[in-house]
Amino acid sequence: MADRAGVNQRTFFRHFPDKREVLFGGQDDLHQSLIASVIAEPDGTPPVDVLRNALLASTHVLEDNKEAGATRLRIIAETPALLERDLAKGAAMASALADALCGRGETRDAADLVGAVCWATFHHAAAQWIATPGRTLDSFVTDAFDLLSSSVNRSARSVL
């Protein structure tokens, strides 16, 4: 793999702890963009809106690499060990979002729940975006959060 990248193995493994990490290389950029967006949200913004806005503000990270993202998802779907790693990285991203919400004053329980739900919503939107040509990731993220909101509101009305 180092040969294909045009570097020696020592240089390659300075950038990636192992060859599987190549598929997850852009996650640091996404993480940094998300956390910066969470921090930039005005005080008093509800936590779901904070994460929705942060995720929308960070779609450019994936938009710039759609072809690589499609290849990555296909490889991960075909490789159980990579699927496990993808799930672990998703859990770490949800946890980082929760930590950022805690930094804004949310309780740990609320932050963990909102972080997990919003990350799952984003992941759902991104998978649809990869599979559907002709629409922006923003539109899928917006639709997914609208669906989440309407589902929660419907459920709340049926309980009352």
Protein backbone atom coordinates (compact mmCIF):
# COMPACT_ATOMS: atom_id res chain seq x y z
CA MET A 1 0.00 0.00 0.00
CA ALA A 2 2.89 2.38 0.75
CA ASP A 3 4.25 1.78 -2.77
CA ARG A 4 0.90 2.74 -4.30
CA ALA A 5 0.93 5.94 -2.23
CA GLY A 6 4.45 6.76 -3.44
CA VAL A 7 6.07 6.64 0.00
CA ASN A 8 8.08 4.12 1.96
CA GLN A 9 6.44 1.98 4.65
CA ARG A 10 7.90 3.99 7.52
CA THR A 11 6.36 7.23 6.17
CA PHE A 12 3.05 5.49 5.47
CA PHE A 13 2.76 4.13 9.02
CA ARG A 14 3.63 7.55 10.47
CA HIS A 15 0.35 8.76 8.94
CA PHE A 16 -1.72 5.62 9.52
CA PRO A 17 -1.30 3.23 12.49
CA ASP A 18 -2.34 0.35 10.20
CA LYS A 19 -3.49 -0.06 6.61
CA ARG A 20 -7.19 -0.21 7.58
CA GLU A 21 -6.98 3.37 8.88
CA VAL A 22 -6.57 4.61 5.30
CA LEU A 23 -10.33 4.20 4.90
CA PHE A 24 -10.99 6.46 7.87
CA GLY A 25 -8.44 9.18 7.11
CA GLY A 26 -10.92 12.03 6.67
CA GLN A 27 -12.57 11.54 10.04
CA ASP A 28 -10.16 13.88 11.81
CA ASP A 29 -11.20 16.72 9.48
CA LEU A 30 -14.87 15.95 10.08
CA HIS A 31 -14.31 15.77 13.84
CA GLN A 32 -12.52 19.13 13.93
CA SER A 33 -15.16 20.80 11.76
CA LEU A 34 -18.00 19.44 13.91
CA ILE A 35 -16.49 20.48 17.23
CA ALA A 36 -15.67 23.97 15.93
CA SER A 37 -19.27 24.33 14.71
CA VAL A 38 -20.70 23.14 18.05
CA ILE A 39 -18.57 25.66 19.92
CA ALA A 40 -19.64 28.46 17.55
CA GLU A 41 -23.37 27.93 18.09
CA PRO A 42 -25.07 30.69 20.11
CA ASP A 43 -25.79 30.05 23.79
CA GLY A 44 -29.34 28.88 24.40
CA THR A 45 -29.61 26.91 21.16
CA PRO A 46 -31.33 23.56 21.88
CA PRO A 47 -28.84 20.66 21.76
CA VAL A 48 -30.46 18.87 18.80
CA ASP A 49 -30.35 22.13 16.84
CA VAL A 50 -26.72 22.64 17.85
CA LEU A 51 -25.76 19.26 16.40
CA ARG A 52 -28.02 19.57 13.38
CA ASN A 53 -26.41 22.92 12.53
CA ALA A 54 -22.91 21.58 13.17
CA LEU A 55 -23.54 18.55 10.97
CA LEU A 56 -24.93 20.74 8.19
CA ALA A 57 -21.95 23.09 8.48
CA SER A 58 -19.59 20.13 8.13
CA THR A 59 -21.12 18.42 5.10
CA HIS A 60 -18.46 20.00 2.88
CA VAL A 61 -15.90 17.59 4.36
CA LEU A 62 -17.80 14.65 2.84
CA GLU A 63 -19.06 16.50 -0.25
CA ASP A 64 -15.45 17.09 -1.29
CA ASN A 65 -14.78 13.33 -1.22
CA LYS A 66 -18.01 11.66 -2.36
CA GLU A 67 -16.36 9.17 -4.70
CA ALA A 68 -13.91 8.05 -2.02
CA GLY A 69 -16.80 7.84 0.45
CA ALA A 70 -18.77 5.55 -1.84
CA THR A 71 -15.76 3.28 -2.29
CA ARG A 72 -15.13 3.31 1.46
CA LEU A 73 -18.73 2.30 2.28
CA ARG A 74 -18.63 -0.53 -0.26
CA ILE A 75 -15.37 -1.90 1.14
CA ILE A 76 -16.61 -1.61 4.72
CA ALA A 77 -19.88 -3.39 3.87
CA GLU A 78 -17.91 -6.29 2.41
CA THR A 79 -15.43 -6.60 5.30
CA PRO A 80 -16.73 -7.50 8.78
CA ALA A 81 -13.58 -6.30 10.56
CA LEU A 82 -13.92 -2.91 8.90
CA LEU A 83 -17.61 -2.75 9.73
CA GLU A 84 -16.72 -3.27 13.38
CA ARG A 85 -14.11 -0.51 13.18
CA ASP A 86 -16.60 1.80 11.41
CA LEU A 87 -19.12 1.25 14.21
CA ALA A 88 -16.45 1.96 16.83
CA LYS A 89 -15.43 5.15 15.05
CA GLY A 90 -19.08 6.19 14.83
CA ALA A 91 -19.49 5.61 18.55
CA ALA A 92 -16.37 7.70 19.17
CA MET A 93 -17.79 10.51 17.00
CA ALA A 94 -21.12 10.41 18.88
CA SER A 95 -19.17 10.54 22.14
CA ALA A 96 -17.13 13.54 20.94
CA LEU A 97 -20.36 15.33 20.02
CA ALA A 98 -21.74 14.51 23.48
CA ASP A 99 -18.58 15.85 25.11
CA ALA A 100 -18.95 19.08 23.12
CA LEU A 101 -22.57 19.37 24.30
CA CYS A 102 -21.44 18.84 27.91
CA GLY A 103 -19.00 21.68 27.36
CA ARG A 104 -22.03 23.83 26.53
CA GLY A 105 -23.68 22.89 29.83
CA GLU A 106 -25.82 19.88 28.89
CA THR A 107 -26.08 17.00 31.36
CA ARG A 108 -24.10 13.88 30.52
CA ASP A 109 -27.26 11.78 30.04
CA ALA A 110 -28.89 14.29 27.70
CA ALA A 111 -25.64 14.89 25.80
CA ASP A 112 -25.01 11.15 25.31
CA LEU A 113 -28.53 10.56 24.01
CA VAL A 114 -28.59 13.59 21.70
CA GLY A 115 -25.07 12.87 20.43
CA ALA A 116 -25.93 9.26 19.57
CA VAL A 117 -29.27 10.08 17.94
CA CYS A 118 -27.90 12.99 15.91
CA TRP A 119 -24.86 11.02 14.75
CA ALA A 120 -27.13 8.12 13.70
CA THR A 121 -29.36 10.59 11.85
CA PHE A 122 -26.35 12.02 10.04
CA HIS A 123 -24.99 8.56 9.23
CA HIS A 124 -28.39 7.59 7.78
CA ALA A 125 -28.44 10.75 5.64
CA ALA A 126 -24.87 10.19 4.42
CA ALA A 127 -25.64 6.61 3.36
CA GLN A 128 -28.67 7.81 1.37
CA TRP A 129 -26.60 10.56 -0.21
CA ILE A 130 -23.93 8.09 -1.35
CA ALA A 131 -26.60 5.84 -2.87
CA THR A 132 -28.57 8.62 -4.58
CA PRO A 133 -26.95 10.79 -7.25
CA GLY A 134 -28.08 14.31 -7.97
CA ARG A 135 -28.77 15.68 -4.49
CA THR A 136 -26.55 17.40 -1.99
CA LEU A 137 -25.65 15.91 1.36
CA ASP A 138 -27.20 19.01 2.97
CA SER A 139 -30.58 18.06 1.52
CA PHE A 140 -30.37 14.53 2.91
CA VAL A 141 -29.27 15.79 6.34
CA THR A 142 -32.12 18.29 6.38
CA ASP A 143 -34.63 15.60 5.36
CA ALA A 144 -33.32 13.14 7.96
CA PHE A 145 -33.56 15.68 10.80
CA ASP A 146 -37.02 16.75 9.62
CA LEU A 147 -38.10 13.09 9.66
CA LEU A 148 -36.63 12.65 13.15
CA SER A 149 -38.41 15.76 14.39
CA SER A 150 -41.77 14.83 12.89
CA SER A 151 -41.48 11.26 14.23
CA VAL A 152 -40.71 12.50 17.74
CA ASN A 153 -43.54 15.03 17.58
CA ARG A 154 -46.00 12.37 16.35
CA SER A 155 -44.95 10.04 19.15
CA ALA A 156 -45.30 12.77 21.76
CA ARG A 157 -48.81 13.64 20.54
CA SER A 158 -49.91 10.00 20.64
CA VAL A 159 -48.69 9.65 24.25
CA LEU A 160 -50.59 12.75 25.33
